[in-house]
Amino acid sequence: MLNDINLLERITFNPGIFGGKPIIRGMRIAVEHILGMIASGSTVEELLEGYPFLEREDIQACLLYAYRLAAHERIEPLMAAS
């Protein structure tokens, strides 16, 4: 099981992808997209089936990221390699 720091390292940003919004592991999938799907009722299993390149820990990282933002904790996403 990954700790919070390892999970949050999966959340990156790249100014050239979605205007620098948080993304998952440098890929063209925004954290907000995953969170929106979960908020709409999608399950983790459905997300993993629909996006086979995602890992369960990626979704967990999105949820942790959202939690930290809601708790007003400082988060500094990593710059993704271009």
N, C-alpha and C. Protein backbone atom coordinates (compact mmCIF):
# COMPACT_ATOMS: atom_id res chain seq x y z
N MET A 1 0.84 -1.18 0.00
CA MET A 1 0.00 0.00 0.00
C MET A 1 0.89 1.25 0.00
N LEU A 2 0.56 2.19 -0.84
CA LEU A 2 1.35 3.42 -0.95
C LEU A 2 0.96 4.41 0.14
N ASN A 3 1.94 5.18 0.60
CA ASN A 3 1.62 6.22 1.56
C ASN A 3 1.16 7.48 0.81
N ASP A 4 0.70 8.48 1.57
CA ASP A 4 0.15 9.68 0.95
C ASP A 4 1.13 10.37 0.01
N ILE A 5 2.38 10.45 0.38
CA ILE A 5 3.37 11.12 -0.46
C ILE A 5 3.53 10.38 -1.78
N ASN A 6 3.63 9.06 -1.73
CA ASN A 6 3.75 8.27 -2.96
C ASN A 6 2.52 8.41 -3.84
N LEU A 7 1.35 8.43 -3.22
CA LEU A 7 0.13 8.59 -3.99
C LEU A 7 0.10 9.96 -4.67
N LEU A 8 0.41 11.00 -3.94
CA LEU A 8 0.34 12.35 -4.51
C LEU A 8 1.40 12.58 -5.58
N GLU A 9 2.46 11.78 -5.60
CA GLU A 9 3.45 11.88 -6.67
C GLU A 9 2.86 11.46 -8.02
N ARG A 10 1.74 10.77 -7.99
CA ARG A 10 1.06 10.37 -9.22
C ARG A 10 0.32 11.55 -9.85
N ILE A 11 0.06 12.58 -9.08
CA ILE A 11 -0.63 13.76 -9.58
C ILE A 11 0.43 14.76 -10.03
N THR A 12 0.40 15.07 -11.31
CA THR A 12 1.41 15.96 -11.89
C THR A 12 0.71 17.08 -12.66
N PHE A 13 1.49 17.97 -13.20
CA PHE A 13 0.94 18.98 -14.08
C PHE A 13 1.94 19.27 -15.18
N ASN A 14 1.41 19.71 -16.29
CA ASN A 14 2.22 20.07 -17.44
C ASN A 14 1.50 21.23 -18.10
N PRO A 15 2.14 22.40 -18.18
CA PRO A 15 1.45 23.56 -18.77
C PRO A 15 0.91 23.30 -20.17
N GLY A 16 1.46 22.32 -20.88
CA GLY A 16 1.01 22.01 -22.22
C GLY A 16 -0.17 21.05 -22.28
N ILE A 17 -0.59 20.54 -21.14
CA ILE A 17 -1.72 19.60 -21.11
C ILE A 17 -2.82 20.21 -20.24
N PHE A 18 -3.96 20.44 -20.84
CA PHE A 18 -5.13 20.99 -20.14
C PHE A 18 -4.81 22.27 -19.39
N GLY A 19 -3.93 23.08 -19.95
CA GLY A 19 -3.61 24.38 -19.36
C GLY A 19 -2.96 24.29 -17.99
N GLY A 20 -2.30 23.18 -17.71
CA GLY A 20 -1.60 23.04 -16.44
C GLY A 20 -2.46 22.49 -15.31
N LYS A 21 -3.66 22.02 -15.63
CA LYS A 21 -4.51 21.41 -14.59
C LYS A 21 -3.85 20.11 -14.11
N PRO A 22 -4.15 19.69 -12.88
CA PRO A 22 -3.59 18.44 -12.38
C PRO A 22 -4.02 17.26 -13.25
N ILE A 23 -3.03 16.43 -13.57
CA ILE A 23 -3.26 15.24 -14.39
C ILE A 23 -2.65 14.03 -13.69
N ILE A 24 -2.95 12.86 -14.22
CA ILE A 24 -2.46 11.62 -13.62
C ILE A 24 -1.22 11.14 -14.37
N ARG A 25 -0.12 11.05 -13.65
CA ARG A 25 1.15 10.52 -14.15
C ARG A 25 1.56 11.06 -15.52
N GLY A 26 1.31 12.33 -15.75
CA GLY A 26 1.74 12.96 -16.99
C GLY A 26 0.89 12.60 -18.20
N MET A 27 -0.15 11.81 -18.00
CA MET A 27 -1.01 11.40 -19.11
C MET A 27 -2.08 12.46 -19.37
N ARG A 28 -2.74 12.33 -20.47
CA ARG A 28 -3.78 13.29 -20.84
C ARG A 28 -5.13 12.90 -20.22
N ILE A 29 -5.11 12.72 -18.91
CA ILE A 29 -6.35 12.50 -18.19
C ILE A 29 -6.31 13.34 -16.91
N ALA A 30 -7.26 14.26 -16.83
CA ALA A 30 -7.29 15.22 -15.73
C ALA A 30 -7.87 14.60 -14.46
N VAL A 31 -7.32 15.03 -13.35
CA VAL A 31 -7.83 14.60 -12.04
C VAL A 31 -9.31 14.95 -11.95
N GLU A 32 -9.68 16.15 -12.41
CA GLU A 32 -11.08 16.57 -12.31
C GLU A 32 -12.01 15.64 -13.09
N HIS A 33 -11.53 15.05 -14.18
CA HIS A 33 -12.34 14.12 -14.97
C HIS A 33 -12.67 12.88 -14.14
N ILE A 34 -11.66 12.32 -13.50
CA ILE A 34 -11.87 11.13 -12.67
C ILE A 34 -12.79 11.46 -11.50
N LEU A 35 -12.56 12.59 -10.85
CA LEU A 35 -13.40 12.98 -9.72
C LEU A 35 -14.85 13.20 -10.16
N GLY A 36 -15.03 13.81 -11.33
CA GLY A 36 -16.37 14.03 -11.85
C GLY A 36 -17.10 12.72 -12.13
N MET A 37 -16.37 11.76 -12.66
CA MET A 37 -16.98 10.46 -12.93
C MET A 37 -17.38 9.75 -11.64
N ILE A 38 -16.52 9.85 -10.63
CA ILE A 38 -16.86 9.25 -9.33
C ILE A 38 -18.07 9.96 -8.74
N ALA A 39 -18.09 11.29 -8.82
CA ALA A 39 -19.22 12.07 -8.31
C ALA A 39 -20.52 11.72 -9.04
N SER A 40 -20.40 11.30 -10.30
CA SER A 40 -21.58 10.92 -11.09
C SER A 40 -22.03 9.49 -10.83
N GLY A 41 -21.27 8.77 -10.02
CA GLY A 41 -21.68 7.42 -9.66
C GLY A 41 -20.85 6.30 -10.23
N SER A 42 -19.84 6.61 -11.01
CA SER A 42 -18.97 5.55 -11.54
C SER A 42 -18.21 4.89 -10.40
N THR A 43 -18.02 3.60 -10.51
CA THR A 43 -17.25 2.88 -9.51
C THR A 43 -15.78 2.82 -9.94
N VAL A 44 -14.94 2.49 -9.00
CA VAL A 44 -13.52 2.32 -9.31
C VAL A 44 -13.36 1.25 -10.38
N GLU A 45 -14.10 0.17 -10.26
CA GLU A 45 -14.01 -0.92 -11.23
C GLU A 45 -14.39 -0.45 -12.63
N GLU A 46 -15.44 0.37 -12.73
CA GLU A 46 -15.86 0.90 -14.03
C GLU A 46 -14.78 1.79 -14.63
N LEU A 47 -14.17 2.61 -13.79
CA LEU A 47 -13.09 3.48 -14.27
C LEU A 47 -11.91 2.67 -14.77
N LEU A 48 -11.53 1.66 -14.02
CA LEU A 48 -10.40 0.83 -14.42
C LEU A 48 -10.69 0.05 -15.70
N GLU A 49 -11.94 -0.34 -15.89
CA GLU A 49 -12.32 -1.04 -17.11
C GLU A 49 -12.35 -0.08 -18.30
N GLY A 50 -12.87 1.13 -18.08
CA GLY A 50 -12.98 2.11 -19.15
C GLY A 50 -11.66 2.76 -19.52
N TYR A 51 -10.74 2.80 -18.58
CA TYR A 51 -9.42 3.41 -18.79
C TYR A 51 -8.36 2.40 -18.35
N PRO A 52 -8.08 1.41 -19.18
CA PRO A 52 -7.18 0.32 -18.78
C PRO A 52 -5.75 0.76 -18.45
N PHE A 53 -5.36 1.96 -18.85
CA PHE A 53 -4.03 2.46 -18.52
C PHE A 53 -3.96 3.02 -17.10
N LEU A 54 -5.11 3.19 -16.46
CA LEU A 54 -5.13 3.66 -15.08
C LEU A 54 -4.89 2.51 -14.12
N GLU A 55 -4.35 2.85 -12.97
CA GLU A 55 -4.16 1.89 -11.89
C GLU A 55 -5.03 2.32 -10.72
N ARG A 56 -5.40 1.36 -9.91
CA ARG A 56 -6.24 1.65 -8.74
C ARG A 56 -5.64 2.79 -7.90
N GLU A 57 -4.32 2.80 -7.78
CA GLU A 57 -3.65 3.85 -7.00
C GLU A 57 -3.82 5.24 -7.62
N ASP A 58 -4.00 5.31 -8.94
CA ASP A 58 -4.24 6.60 -9.59
C ASP A 58 -5.55 7.20 -9.10
N ILE A 59 -6.56 6.36 -9.00
CA ILE A 59 -7.87 6.83 -8.54
C ILE A 59 -7.81 7.20 -7.07
N GLN A 60 -7.10 6.40 -6.31
CA GLN A 60 -6.91 6.71 -4.89
C GLN A 60 -6.18 8.04 -4.75
N ALA A 61 -5.20 8.30 -5.61
CA ALA A 61 -4.45 9.56 -5.57
C ALA A 61 -5.37 10.73 -5.88
N CYS A 62 -6.29 10.58 -6.82
CA CYS A 62 -7.25 11.65 -7.14
C CYS A 62 -8.12 11.97 -5.93
N LEU A 63 -8.57 10.93 -5.26
CA LEU A 63 -9.41 11.14 -4.07
C LEU A 63 -8.62 11.80 -2.95
N LEU A 64 -7.38 11.38 -2.76
CA LEU A 64 -6.54 12.00 -1.75
C LEU A 64 -6.28 13.46 -2.09
N TYR A 65 -6.03 13.75 -3.35
CA TYR A 65 -5.80 15.12 -3.81
C TYR A 65 -7.02 15.98 -3.49
N ALA A 66 -8.21 15.48 -3.81
CA ALA A 66 -9.44 16.22 -3.53
C ALA A 66 -9.63 16.43 -2.03
N TYR A 67 -9.34 15.40 -1.25
CA TYR A 67 -9.44 15.52 0.21
C TYR A 67 -8.52 16.61 0.73
N ARG A 68 -7.28 16.60 0.26
CA ARG A 68 -6.31 17.59 0.72
C ARG A 68 -6.75 19.01 0.34
N LEU A 69 -7.31 19.17 -0.86
CA LEU A 69 -7.81 20.49 -1.26
C LEU A 69 -8.96 20.93 -0.38
N ALA A 70 -9.89 20.02 -0.10
CA ALA A 70 -11.04 20.35 0.74
C ALA A 70 -10.61 20.67 2.17
N ALA A 71 -9.53 20.05 2.60
CA ALA A 71 -9.02 20.29 3.96
C ALA A 71 -8.11 21.51 4.01
N HIS A 72 -7.96 22.18 2.87
CA HIS A 72 -7.12 23.37 2.75
C HIS A 72 -5.66 23.10 3.07
N GLU A 73 -5.20 21.91 2.72
CA GLU A 73 -3.80 21.58 2.89
C GLU A 73 -3.05 21.98 1.63
N ARG A 74 -1.81 22.35 1.78
CA ARG A 74 -1.01 22.76 0.64
C ARG A 74 -0.58 21.53 -0.17
N ILE A 75 -0.77 21.63 -1.48
CA ILE A 75 -0.42 20.55 -2.39
C ILE A 75 0.42 21.14 -3.50
N GLU A 76 1.53 20.52 -3.79
CA GLU A 76 2.38 20.98 -4.88
C GLU A 76 2.58 19.83 -5.85
N PRO A 77 1.75 19.78 -6.93
CA PRO A 77 1.92 18.72 -7.91
C PRO A 77 3.30 18.78 -8.56
N LEU A 78 3.78 17.65 -8.99
CA LEU A 78 5.08 17.56 -9.65
C LEU A 78 4.95 17.97 -11.11
N MET A 79 5.97 18.58 -11.65
CA MET A 79 6.00 18.92 -13.08
C MET A 79 6.26 17.64 -13.85
N ALA A 80 5.36 17.34 -14.79
CA ALA A 80 5.51 16.14 -15.61
C ALA A 80 6.56 16.38 -16.68
N ALA A 81 7.30 15.36 -16.99
CA ALA A 81 8.30 15.47 -18.06
C ALA A 81 7.58 15.61 -19.38
N SER A 82 8.11 16.45 -20.25
CA SER A 82 7.48 16.67 -21.56
C SER A 82 7.87 15.59 -22.53
